[in-house]
Amino acid sequence: MKAKTLKNKRAKLLPLEPFHYRDLLPLSKQVDLYKYGASDISTPKKLKKYMNEAFEKKEQGLSLPFIIYDKKLERFAGSTRFGNIDKKNKVVQIGWTWLGDDFRGSGLNHHIKFLMLSYAFEKLYFERVEFRIDERNMRSRRAVEKIGGVLEGVLRKDTLTRDGFRRSSACYGILREEWDEIKATIFKDLST
């Protein structure tokens, strides 16, 4: 599966490449990924490791990482990816999304998720898109609920965070048969 550039009037998602390190480095200092997850991008070395892990998963066919460009502000904004790609069962996760300070709460993430969901259901023909979020991360959980994600349960203590805490993951899903309704209602302003 090959990543392609996804774009609309506000966002552009470009396949992540090693040279994007220089674009992400200033943003990575603004993000506390390990507060809720297992990733850490707080230093240049850790950002390189994070990116290399994404490239390894891409080579294995398990991930499609992107760099996010905000067309309104004309700047790179962060990163996201499709991960845990299951081609046999047609299931994919959307996650690993992080944005710099200037882009949080700006509406950019709404555009990003529309692009990714459209691509997953309409071009890649996945049957299911999943989101796994630290159950304590209410901001991210509300954001996924706002785009139609259905809470399907909580995986108890399934992920070890960087600081050694065993987090529980709230599991959300959107099914392909739900997409047309979600697109026509929640994303109606973007789907014309």
Protein backbone atom coordinates (compact mmCIF):
# COMPACT_ATOMS: atom_id res chain seq x y z
CA MET A 1 0.00 0.00 0.00
CA LYS A 2 1.52 3.28 -1.11
CA ALA A 3 0.83 6.57 0.62
CA LYS A 4 -0.28 9.46 -1.52
CA THR A 5 -0.78 13.12 -0.74
CA LEU A 6 -4.23 13.88 0.67
CA LYS A 7 -5.51 17.44 0.60
CA ASN A 8 -8.50 19.73 0.90
CA LYS A 9 -8.91 23.50 1.30
CA ARG A 10 -7.29 23.54 4.75
CA ALA A 11 -4.98 20.55 5.15
CA LYS A 12 -2.42 18.67 3.15
CA LEU A 13 -1.10 15.31 4.33
CA LEU A 14 2.14 14.38 2.60
CA PRO A 15 3.81 10.99 2.93
CA LEU A 16 6.38 11.37 5.70
CA GLU A 17 9.98 11.28 4.47
CA PRO A 18 13.28 11.40 6.40
CA PHE A 19 13.95 15.00 5.26
CA HIS A 20 10.78 16.12 7.08
CA TYR A 21 12.76 15.77 10.31
CA ARG A 22 13.80 19.42 10.02
CA ASP A 23 10.14 20.49 9.66
CA LEU A 24 8.95 18.48 12.65
CA LEU A 25 11.82 19.24 15.04
CA PRO A 26 10.63 22.73 16.14
CA LEU A 27 7.08 21.38 16.63
CA SER A 28 8.19 18.32 18.59
CA LYS A 29 9.42 20.50 21.44
CA GLN A 30 5.81 21.70 21.97
CA VAL A 31 4.26 18.24 22.28
CA ASP A 32 4.07 15.92 25.28
CA LEU A 33 3.34 12.61 23.53
CA TYR A 34 4.43 10.47 26.41
CA LYS A 35 1.90 11.95 28.80
CA TYR A 36 -0.65 9.47 27.43
CA GLY A 37 1.34 7.16 25.19
CA ALA A 38 4.50 5.20 24.75
CA SER A 39 6.16 7.62 22.31
CA ASP A 40 8.58 10.40 23.12
CA ILE A 41 9.70 13.08 20.63
CA SER A 42 11.06 15.56 23.21
CA THR A 43 14.65 15.58 21.91
CA PRO A 44 16.15 15.51 18.41
CA LYS A 45 17.41 11.95 18.96
CA LYS A 46 14.00 10.76 20.19
CA LEU A 47 12.21 12.39 17.25
CA LYS A 48 14.55 10.57 14.83
CA LYS A 49 13.86 7.28 16.63
CA TYR A 50 10.08 7.93 16.45
CA MET A 51 10.30 8.65 12.71
CA ASN A 52 12.52 5.62 12.04
CA GLU A 53 10.02 3.38 13.83
CA ALA A 54 7.26 4.80 11.57
CA PHE A 55 9.40 4.08 8.47
CA GLU A 56 10.08 0.52 9.65
CA LYS A 57 6.35 -0.11 10.12
CA LYS A 58 5.73 1.39 6.67
CA GLU A 59 8.26 -1.03 5.13
CA GLN A 60 6.45 -3.90 6.85
CA GLY A 61 3.13 -2.75 5.35
CA LEU A 62 1.72 -1.87 8.78
CA SER A 63 1.77 1.92 8.66
CA LEU A 64 1.33 4.96 6.41
CA PRO A 65 2.82 8.00 8.17
CA PHE A 66 2.16 11.59 7.09
CA ILE A 67 3.42 15.07 7.82
CA ILE A 68 0.61 17.61 8.22
CA TYR A 69 0.71 20.94 6.40
CA ASP A 70 -1.72 23.70 7.34
CA LYS A 71 -2.61 25.48 4.09
CA LYS A 72 -4.26 28.38 5.95
CA LEU A 73 -1.18 29.21 8.04
CA GLU A 74 1.21 27.95 5.32
CA ARG A 75 3.29 25.92 7.77
CA PHE A 76 3.91 22.35 8.77
CA ALA A 77 1.76 21.50 11.76
CA GLY A 78 2.61 17.98 12.97
CA SER A 79 2.22 14.35 12.07
CA THR A 80 -0.36 11.55 11.86
CA ARG A 81 -0.62 8.05 10.45
CA PHE A 82 -2.60 5.03 9.52
CA GLY A 83 -1.27 2.19 11.65
CA ASN A 84 -1.76 -1.45 12.57
CA ILE A 85 -2.94 -2.03 9.00
CA ASP A 86 -4.75 -5.35 8.70
CA LYS A 87 -5.24 -5.97 4.97
CA LYS A 88 -6.87 -9.37 5.43
CA ASN A 89 -9.64 -8.10 7.72
CA LYS A 90 -9.74 -4.61 6.14
CA VAL A 91 -9.15 -2.83 9.47
CA VAL A 92 -6.91 0.16 10.12
CA GLN A 93 -6.20 2.51 13.01
CA ILE A 94 -5.91 6.26 12.72
CA GLY A 95 -3.67 7.76 15.35
CA TRP A 96 -0.20 8.89 16.32
CA THR A 97 -1.58 12.38 15.63
CA TRP A 98 0.16 15.36 17.15
CA LEU A 99 0.04 19.06 16.39
CA GLY A 100 2.14 22.03 17.43
CA ASP A 101 0.72 24.66 19.77
CA ASP A 102 -0.47 27.04 17.03
CA PHE A 103 -2.63 24.36 15.42
CA ARG A 104 -4.47 22.80 18.36
CA GLY A 105 -8.11 23.85 18.56
CA SER A 106 -7.88 25.56 15.16
CA GLY A 107 -10.18 23.16 13.28
CA LEU A 108 -7.25 21.63 11.41
CA ASN A 109 -7.72 18.21 13.01
CA HIS A 110 -11.32 18.05 11.71
CA HIS A 111 -9.97 18.43 8.16
CA ILE A 112 -7.24 15.85 8.79
CA LYS A 113 -9.68 13.24 10.05
CA PHE A 114 -12.03 13.88 7.10
CA LEU A 115 -9.19 13.31 4.64
CA MET A 116 -8.06 10.14 6.39
CA LEU A 117 -11.53 8.64 6.82
CA SER A 118 -12.43 9.42 3.20
CA TYR A 119 -9.25 7.79 1.99
CA ALA A 120 -9.64 4.75 4.25
CA PHE A 121 -13.23 4.03 3.25
CA GLU A 122 -13.46 5.36 -0.32
CA LYS A 123 -10.03 4.59 -1.80
CA LEU A 124 -8.55 1.81 0.31
CA TYR A 125 -11.94 0.15 0.97
CA PHE A 126 -11.37 -0.62 4.63
CA GLU A 127 -14.38 -1.98 6.48
CA ARG A 128 -13.45 -0.50 9.82
CA VAL A 129 -11.38 2.37 11.21
CA GLU A 130 -10.27 2.24 14.83
CA PHE A 131 -8.97 4.79 17.30
CA ARG A 132 -7.26 3.75 20.55
CA ILE A 133 -6.93 6.52 23.09
CA ASP A 134 -5.67 6.63 26.66
CA GLU A 135 -8.89 6.51 28.69
CA ARG A 136 -7.66 9.55 30.70
CA ASN A 137 -7.23 11.69 27.57
CA MET A 138 -10.68 13.24 27.51
CA ARG A 139 -9.76 15.89 24.94
CA SER A 140 -8.85 13.27 22.32
CA ARG A 141 -11.78 11.07 23.25
CA ARG A 142 -14.23 13.95 22.79
CA ALA A 143 -12.62 14.79 19.44
CA VAL A 144 -13.13 11.22 18.18
CA GLU A 145 -16.70 11.17 19.47
CA LYS A 146 -17.37 14.44 17.60
CA ILE A 147 -16.40 12.77 14.30
CA GLY A 148 -18.68 9.78 14.82
CA GLY A 149 -16.43 7.33 16.65
CA VAL A 150 -18.38 4.84 18.75
CA LEU A 151 -16.90 3.75 22.08
CA GLU A 152 -16.70 -0.04 21.89
CA GLY A 153 -14.93 -0.75 25.15
CA VAL A 154 -11.78 -0.23 27.16
CA LEU A 155 -8.70 -2.42 26.93
CA ARG A 156 -7.53 -2.51 30.52
CA LYS A 157 -3.85 -1.72 31.15
CA ASP A 158 -2.85 -2.63 27.59
CA THR A 159 -0.10 -0.05 26.95
CA LEU A 160 3.02 0.77 28.93
CA THR A 161 3.70 4.52 28.79
CA ARG A 162 7.17 6.01 28.76
CA ASP A 163 7.08 6.75 32.48
CA GLY A 164 6.18 3.14 33.32
CA PHE A 165 2.45 3.68 33.87
CA ARG A 166 0.15 0.97 32.48
CA ARG A 167 -2.60 2.85 30.71
CA SER A 168 -5.98 1.56 29.62
CA SER A 169 -7.09 2.32 26.04
CA ALA A 170 -10.59 3.46 25.10
CA CYS A 171 -11.39 1.78 21.79
CA TYR A 172 -13.52 3.64 19.25
CA GLY A 173 -14.62 2.49 15.83
CA ILE A 174 -16.31 3.69 12.66
CA LEU A 175 -17.68 1.14 10.21
CA ARG A 176 -17.78 1.55 6.46
CA GLU A 177 -21.60 1.37 6.45
CA GLU A 178 -21.65 4.32 8.88
CA TRP A 179 -19.38 6.50 6.75
CA ASP A 180 -21.95 7.92 4.30
CA GLU A 181 -24.13 9.18 7.17
CA ILE A 182 -21.14 10.61 9.06
CA LYS A 183 -19.84 12.28 5.90
CA ALA A 184 -23.26 13.80 5.13
CA THR A 185 -23.78 15.13 8.67
CA ILE A 186 -20.60 15.64 10.70
CA PHE A 187 -18.43 16.49 7.67
CA LYS A 188 -21.13 18.09 5.49
CA ASP A 189 -19.15 21.35 5.32
CA LEU A 190 -16.13 19.49 3.90
CA SER A 191 -17.72 16.93 1.60
CA THR A 192 -19.03 19.27 -1.08
